[in-house]
Amino acid sequence: MLSQVQLRWSGHLVRMDAERQGGQKRRFKYTLKKSLKQRQINPVTLEDLALDRPTWRRSVRIGSTIYEANRIAAAKAKRAACKAQSPRINTANSQALPTCPHCQRTFRE
C-alpha cells in the first residue's frame, strides 16, 4: 500500500513544473524504477501515463493488486516449503536410551 501511495505521488511530481521538484533525486529515482517494474508499469512511458490521471491511477491500482497477490502467494509458498521439510534429527543424541534389564523400561536422560 505504501508503494501505491509512492507511485501516485510520483504521478503528481510528473505533472508539476520542473522548477518545484526537489529532494533526493537519485535515491527516489531508483526506488521509483524498482516499484514501477514490480507493478508491471513501463518506466519509459511514466510521464505520458501520469499526465492522464485516471489512466495512471487505474494502472497503479491494478499493478499494485497484482503485485500484492504475487507477493502473498510467494510468501505462502515459502512458508509451506519450510513447513514441509522433515524435522532435523540431532545426530549427537541419537543413541538408544538406556533400558532396565529386568522390566525393559526406558530411562530418560
N, C-alpha and C. Protein backbone atom coordinates (compact mmCIF):
# COMPACT_ATOMS: atom_id res chain seq x y z
N MET A 1 0.82 -1.18 0.00
CA MET A 1 0.00 0.00 0.00
C MET A 1 0.87 1.25 0.00
N LEU A 2 1.98 1.18 0.71
CA LEU A 2 2.86 2.33 0.78
C LEU A 2 3.45 2.65 -0.59
N SER A 3 3.84 1.62 -1.34
CA SER A 3 4.40 1.89 -2.66
C SER A 3 3.32 2.37 -3.63
N GLN A 4 2.06 2.00 -3.40
CA GLN A 4 0.98 2.51 -4.23
C GLN A 4 0.85 4.02 -4.02
N VAL A 5 0.97 4.46 -2.79
CA VAL A 5 0.93 5.89 -2.49
C VAL A 5 2.15 6.58 -3.11
N GLN A 6 3.30 5.89 -3.05
CA GLN A 6 4.51 6.45 -3.64
C GLN A 6 4.35 6.63 -5.15
N LEU A 7 3.75 5.66 -5.81
CA LEU A 7 3.55 5.78 -7.25
C LEU A 7 2.55 6.88 -7.59
N ARG A 8 1.50 7.01 -6.78
CA ARG A 8 0.55 8.10 -7.02
C ARG A 8 1.24 9.45 -6.85
N TRP A 9 2.12 9.55 -5.84
CA TRP A 9 2.87 10.78 -5.60
C TRP A 9 3.79 11.07 -6.78
N SER A 10 4.42 10.04 -7.36
CA SER A 10 5.30 10.27 -8.49
C SER A 10 4.51 10.79 -9.70
N GLY A 11 3.27 10.34 -9.86
CA GLY A 11 2.43 10.89 -10.91
C GLY A 11 2.18 12.37 -10.70
N HIS A 12 2.00 12.75 -9.44
CA HIS A 12 1.82 14.16 -9.10
C HIS A 12 3.08 14.95 -9.44
N LEU A 13 4.24 14.37 -9.12
CA LEU A 13 5.50 15.06 -9.39
C LEU A 13 5.72 15.27 -10.89
N VAL A 14 5.32 14.30 -11.69
CA VAL A 14 5.49 14.42 -13.14
C VAL A 14 4.63 15.55 -13.67
N ARG A 15 3.44 15.73 -13.11
CA ARG A 15 2.54 16.78 -13.59
C ARG A 15 2.97 18.17 -13.12
N MET A 16 3.82 18.25 -12.09
CA MET A 16 4.25 19.56 -11.57
C MET A 16 5.28 20.20 -12.50
N ASP A 17 5.54 21.49 -12.27
CA ASP A 17 6.58 22.19 -13.00
C ASP A 17 7.94 21.63 -12.62
N ALA A 18 8.90 21.75 -13.55
CA ALA A 18 10.23 21.20 -13.32
C ALA A 18 10.97 21.96 -12.22
N GLU A 19 10.64 23.24 -12.00
CA GLU A 19 11.36 24.05 -11.02
C GLU A 19 11.04 23.66 -9.58
N ARG A 20 9.88 23.07 -9.36
CA ARG A 20 9.44 22.82 -7.99
C ARG A 20 9.89 21.47 -7.45
N GLN A 21 10.41 20.60 -8.30
CA GLN A 21 10.82 19.29 -7.81
C GLN A 21 12.14 19.42 -7.06
N GLY A 22 12.24 18.68 -5.99
CA GLY A 22 13.46 18.70 -5.21
C GLY A 22 13.59 17.41 -4.43
N GLY A 23 14.48 17.40 -3.49
CA GLY A 23 14.63 16.23 -2.64
C GLY A 23 15.73 15.30 -3.12
N GLN A 24 15.64 14.06 -2.71
CA GLN A 24 16.66 13.07 -3.03
C GLN A 24 16.43 12.56 -4.45
N LYS A 25 17.12 13.13 -5.39
CA LYS A 25 16.87 12.79 -6.79
C LYS A 25 17.29 11.36 -7.10
N ARG A 26 18.45 11.00 -6.69
CA ARG A 26 18.96 9.68 -7.05
C ARG A 26 18.22 8.56 -6.35
N ARG A 27 18.13 8.63 -5.08
CA ARG A 27 17.54 7.54 -4.31
C ARG A 27 16.06 7.35 -4.68
N PHE A 28 15.32 8.41 -4.79
CA PHE A 28 13.91 8.31 -5.14
C PHE A 28 13.74 7.76 -6.55
N LYS A 29 14.62 8.17 -7.44
CA LYS A 29 14.54 7.71 -8.83
C LYS A 29 14.71 6.20 -8.91
N TYR A 30 15.69 5.66 -8.21
CA TYR A 30 15.93 4.22 -8.26
C TYR A 30 14.82 3.44 -7.57
N THR A 31 14.31 3.97 -6.48
CA THR A 31 13.21 3.30 -5.79
C THR A 31 11.96 3.32 -6.66
N LEU A 32 11.75 4.42 -7.33
CA LEU A 32 10.58 4.54 -8.21
C LEU A 32 10.67 3.56 -9.37
N LYS A 33 11.85 3.44 -9.98
CA LYS A 33 12.01 2.50 -11.08
C LYS A 33 11.74 1.07 -10.62
N LYS A 34 12.22 0.74 -9.45
CA LYS A 34 12.00 -0.61 -8.91
C LYS A 34 10.51 -0.85 -8.67
N SER A 35 9.84 0.13 -8.09
CA SER A 35 8.40 -0.01 -7.82
C SER A 35 7.61 -0.13 -9.11
N LEU A 36 7.99 0.64 -10.12
CA LEU A 36 7.29 0.58 -11.40
C LEU A 36 7.45 -0.79 -12.05
N LYS A 37 8.67 -1.32 -12.02
CA LYS A 37 8.91 -2.63 -12.62
C LYS A 37 8.17 -3.73 -11.88
N GLN A 38 8.11 -3.63 -10.55
CA GLN A 38 7.38 -4.64 -9.77
C GLN A 38 5.90 -4.62 -10.11
N ARG A 39 5.38 -3.46 -10.44
CA ARG A 39 3.95 -3.35 -10.73
C ARG A 39 3.64 -3.40 -12.22
N GLN A 40 4.63 -3.83 -13.00
CA GLN A 40 4.48 -4.04 -14.44
C GLN A 40 4.06 -2.76 -15.17
N ILE A 41 4.64 -1.63 -14.74
CA ILE A 41 4.42 -0.35 -15.41
C ILE A 41 5.74 0.02 -16.07
N ASN A 42 5.71 0.34 -17.34
CA ASN A 42 6.92 0.67 -18.08
C ASN A 42 7.46 2.02 -17.62
N PRO A 43 8.69 2.08 -17.07
CA PRO A 43 9.25 3.36 -16.61
C PRO A 43 9.47 4.36 -17.73
N VAL A 44 9.62 3.89 -18.97
CA VAL A 44 9.85 4.78 -20.10
C VAL A 44 8.60 5.62 -20.38
N THR A 45 7.43 5.03 -20.22
CA THR A 45 6.18 5.73 -20.52
C THR A 45 5.57 6.36 -19.27
N LEU A 46 6.35 6.54 -18.23
CA LEU A 46 5.85 7.08 -16.96
C LEU A 46 5.22 8.46 -17.14
N GLU A 47 5.91 9.35 -17.80
CA GLU A 47 5.42 10.73 -17.91
C GLU A 47 4.13 10.80 -18.73
N ASP A 48 4.08 10.08 -19.83
CA ASP A 48 2.87 10.10 -20.66
C ASP A 48 1.70 9.48 -19.90
N LEU A 49 1.97 8.42 -19.18
CA LEU A 49 0.92 7.74 -18.43
C LEU A 49 0.43 8.60 -17.27
N ALA A 50 1.34 9.29 -16.59
CA ALA A 50 0.97 10.09 -15.43
C ALA A 50 0.21 11.36 -15.81
N LEU A 51 0.38 11.83 -17.03
CA LEU A 51 -0.35 13.03 -17.45
C LEU A 51 -1.85 12.77 -17.54
N ASP A 52 -2.22 11.55 -17.85
CA ASP A 52 -3.64 11.17 -17.87
C ASP A 52 -3.95 10.56 -16.51
N ARG A 53 -4.46 11.36 -15.59
CA ARG A 53 -4.62 10.96 -14.20
C ARG A 53 -5.49 9.73 -14.00
N PRO A 54 -6.67 9.62 -14.60
CA PRO A 54 -7.49 8.42 -14.38
C PRO A 54 -6.80 7.13 -14.86
N THR A 55 -6.13 7.21 -16.01
CA THR A 55 -5.42 6.03 -16.51
C THR A 55 -4.25 5.67 -15.60
N TRP A 56 -3.55 6.69 -15.11
CA TRP A 56 -2.43 6.48 -14.20
C TRP A 56 -2.90 5.79 -12.92
N ARG A 57 -3.97 6.30 -12.32
CA ARG A 57 -4.46 5.72 -11.08
C ARG A 57 -4.94 4.29 -11.29
N ARG A 58 -5.57 4.04 -12.42
CA ARG A 58 -6.05 2.69 -12.72
C ARG A 58 -4.87 1.73 -12.87
N SER A 59 -3.84 2.15 -13.60
CA SER A 59 -2.69 1.26 -13.81
C SER A 59 -1.93 1.02 -12.50
N VAL A 60 -1.85 2.04 -11.64
CA VAL A 60 -1.20 1.86 -10.34
C VAL A 60 -2.01 0.91 -9.47
N ARG A 61 -3.32 1.07 -9.47
CA ARG A 61 -4.18 0.22 -8.65
C ARG A 61 -4.13 -1.24 -9.12
N ILE A 62 -4.22 -1.44 -10.43
CA ILE A 62 -4.18 -2.80 -10.97
C ILE A 62 -2.81 -3.44 -10.75
N GLY A 63 -1.75 -2.67 -11.01
CA GLY A 63 -0.40 -3.19 -10.81
C GLY A 63 -0.13 -3.53 -9.36
N SER A 64 -0.62 -2.70 -8.44
CA SER A 64 -0.43 -2.97 -7.01
C SER A 64 -1.20 -4.20 -6.57
N THR A 65 -2.40 -4.38 -7.10
CA THR A 65 -3.19 -5.56 -6.76
C THR A 65 -2.50 -6.83 -7.22
N ILE A 66 -1.98 -6.82 -8.44
CA ILE A 66 -1.27 -7.99 -8.97
C ILE A 66 -0.01 -8.25 -8.16
N TYR A 67 0.74 -7.19 -7.85
CA TYR A 67 1.98 -7.34 -7.09
C TYR A 67 1.71 -7.92 -5.70
N GLU A 68 0.70 -7.40 -5.02
CA GLU A 68 0.38 -7.90 -3.68
C GLU A 68 -0.06 -9.35 -3.72
N ALA A 69 -0.85 -9.72 -4.72
CA ALA A 69 -1.29 -11.12 -4.84
C ALA A 69 -0.09 -12.03 -5.07
N ASN A 70 0.84 -11.62 -5.93
CA ASN A 70 2.04 -12.41 -6.18
C ASN A 70 2.93 -12.49 -4.94
N ARG A 71 3.05 -11.38 -4.22
CA ARG A 71 3.89 -11.35 -3.02
C ARG A 71 3.34 -12.28 -1.95
N ILE A 72 2.03 -12.24 -1.75
CA ILE A 72 1.40 -13.09 -0.74
C ILE A 72 1.51 -14.56 -1.14
N ALA A 73 1.31 -14.86 -2.43
CA ALA A 73 1.42 -16.24 -2.90
C ALA A 73 2.85 -16.77 -2.71
N ALA A 74 3.84 -15.92 -2.99
CA ALA A 74 5.23 -16.33 -2.81
C ALA A 74 5.55 -16.57 -1.34
N ALA A 75 5.02 -15.72 -0.46
CA ALA A 75 5.25 -15.90 0.97
C ALA A 75 4.60 -17.18 1.48
N LYS A 76 3.39 -17.46 0.99
CA LYS A 76 2.71 -18.71 1.39
C LYS A 76 3.47 -19.93 0.88
N ALA A 77 3.97 -19.86 -0.34
CA ALA A 77 4.73 -20.98 -0.89
C ALA A 77 6.03 -21.20 -0.11
N LYS A 78 6.67 -20.11 0.27
CA LYS A 78 7.91 -20.21 1.04
C LYS A 78 7.64 -20.82 2.41
N ARG A 79 6.55 -20.39 3.03
CA ARG A 79 6.19 -20.93 4.34
C ARG A 79 5.82 -22.41 4.24
N ALA A 80 5.09 -22.78 3.19
CA ALA A 80 4.71 -24.18 3.01
C ALA A 80 5.94 -25.05 2.78
N ALA A 81 6.92 -24.52 2.04
CA ALA A 81 8.15 -25.28 1.80
C ALA A 81 8.92 -25.49 3.10
N CYS A 82 8.94 -24.47 3.96
CA CYS A 82 9.63 -24.60 5.25
C CYS A 82 8.91 -25.60 6.15
N LYS A 83 7.59 -25.56 6.14
CA LYS A 83 6.83 -26.46 6.99
C LYS A 83 6.88 -27.90 6.49
N ALA A 84 7.08 -28.09 5.19
CA ALA A 84 7.09 -29.43 4.61
C ALA A 84 8.40 -30.16 4.84
N GLN A 85 9.45 -29.43 5.21
CA GLN A 85 10.73 -30.07 5.45
C GLN A 85 10.62 -31.01 6.65
N SER A 86 11.35 -32.12 6.57
CA SER A 86 11.34 -33.04 7.70
C SER A 86 12.10 -32.42 8.86
N PRO A 87 11.69 -32.72 10.08
CA PRO A 87 12.39 -32.13 11.22
C PRO A 87 13.82 -32.62 11.30
N ARG A 88 14.67 -31.77 11.76
CA ARG A 88 16.08 -32.12 11.87
C ARG A 88 16.29 -33.06 13.05
N ILE A 89 17.13 -34.05 12.84
CA ILE A 89 17.43 -35.01 13.89
C ILE A 89 18.82 -34.70 14.41
N ASN A 90 18.92 -34.59 15.71
CA ASN A 90 20.19 -34.33 16.34
C ASN A 90 20.97 -35.64 16.38
N THR A 91 22.02 -35.74 15.59
CA THR A 91 22.77 -36.99 15.50
C THR A 91 23.64 -37.23 16.72
N ALA A 92 23.95 -36.20 17.48
CA ALA A 92 24.79 -36.38 18.66
C ALA A 92 24.04 -37.14 19.74
N ASN A 93 22.74 -36.93 19.85
CA ASN A 93 21.95 -37.59 20.89
C ASN A 93 21.06 -38.69 20.32
N SER A 94 21.46 -39.28 19.21
CA SER A 94 20.61 -40.28 18.59
C SER A 94 20.87 -41.69 19.11
N GLN A 95 21.64 -41.82 20.17
CA GLN A 95 21.89 -43.14 20.75
C GLN A 95 20.63 -43.63 21.44
N ALA A 96 20.50 -44.93 21.51
CA ALA A 96 19.33 -45.51 22.16
C ALA A 96 19.35 -45.18 23.65
N LEU A 97 18.18 -44.92 24.21
CA LEU A 97 18.08 -44.61 25.63
C LEU A 97 18.34 -45.88 26.44
N PRO A 98 18.91 -45.73 27.61
CA PRO A 98 19.19 -46.92 28.43
C PRO A 98 17.89 -47.59 28.90
N THR A 99 17.90 -48.89 28.93
CA THR A 99 16.72 -49.65 29.37
C THR A 99 17.09 -50.51 30.58
N CYS A 100 16.08 -50.78 31.36
CA CYS A 100 16.26 -51.62 32.54
C CYS A 100 16.35 -53.09 32.09
N PRO A 101 17.35 -53.83 32.57
CA PRO A 101 17.47 -55.23 32.13
C PRO A 101 16.37 -56.14 32.69
N HIS A 102 15.70 -55.73 33.78
CA HIS A 102 14.68 -56.59 34.38
C HIS A 102 13.29 -56.33 33.80
N CYS A 103 12.88 -55.04 33.70
CA CYS A 103 11.50 -54.75 33.26
C CYS A 103 11.42 -54.15 31.86
N GLN A 104 12.53 -53.88 31.23
CA GLN A 104 12.62 -53.34 29.87
C GLN A 104 12.05 -51.93 29.73
N ARG A 105 11.98 -51.17 30.81
CA ARG A 105 11.55 -49.77 30.74
C ARG A 105 12.72 -48.91 30.29
N THR A 106 12.42 -47.86 29.52
CA THR A 106 13.48 -46.95 29.08
C THR A 106 13.58 -45.78 30.06
N PHE A 107 14.80 -45.38 30.29
CA PHE A 107 15.06 -44.26 31.20
C PHE A 107 15.22 -42.97 30.41
N ARG A 108 14.83 -41.89 31.03
CA ARG A 108 15.05 -40.57 30.43
C ARG A 108 16.42 -40.08 30.81
N GLU A 109 16.90 -39.18 29.98
CA GLU A 109 18.21 -38.60 30.29
C GLU A 109 18.05 -37.28 30.97
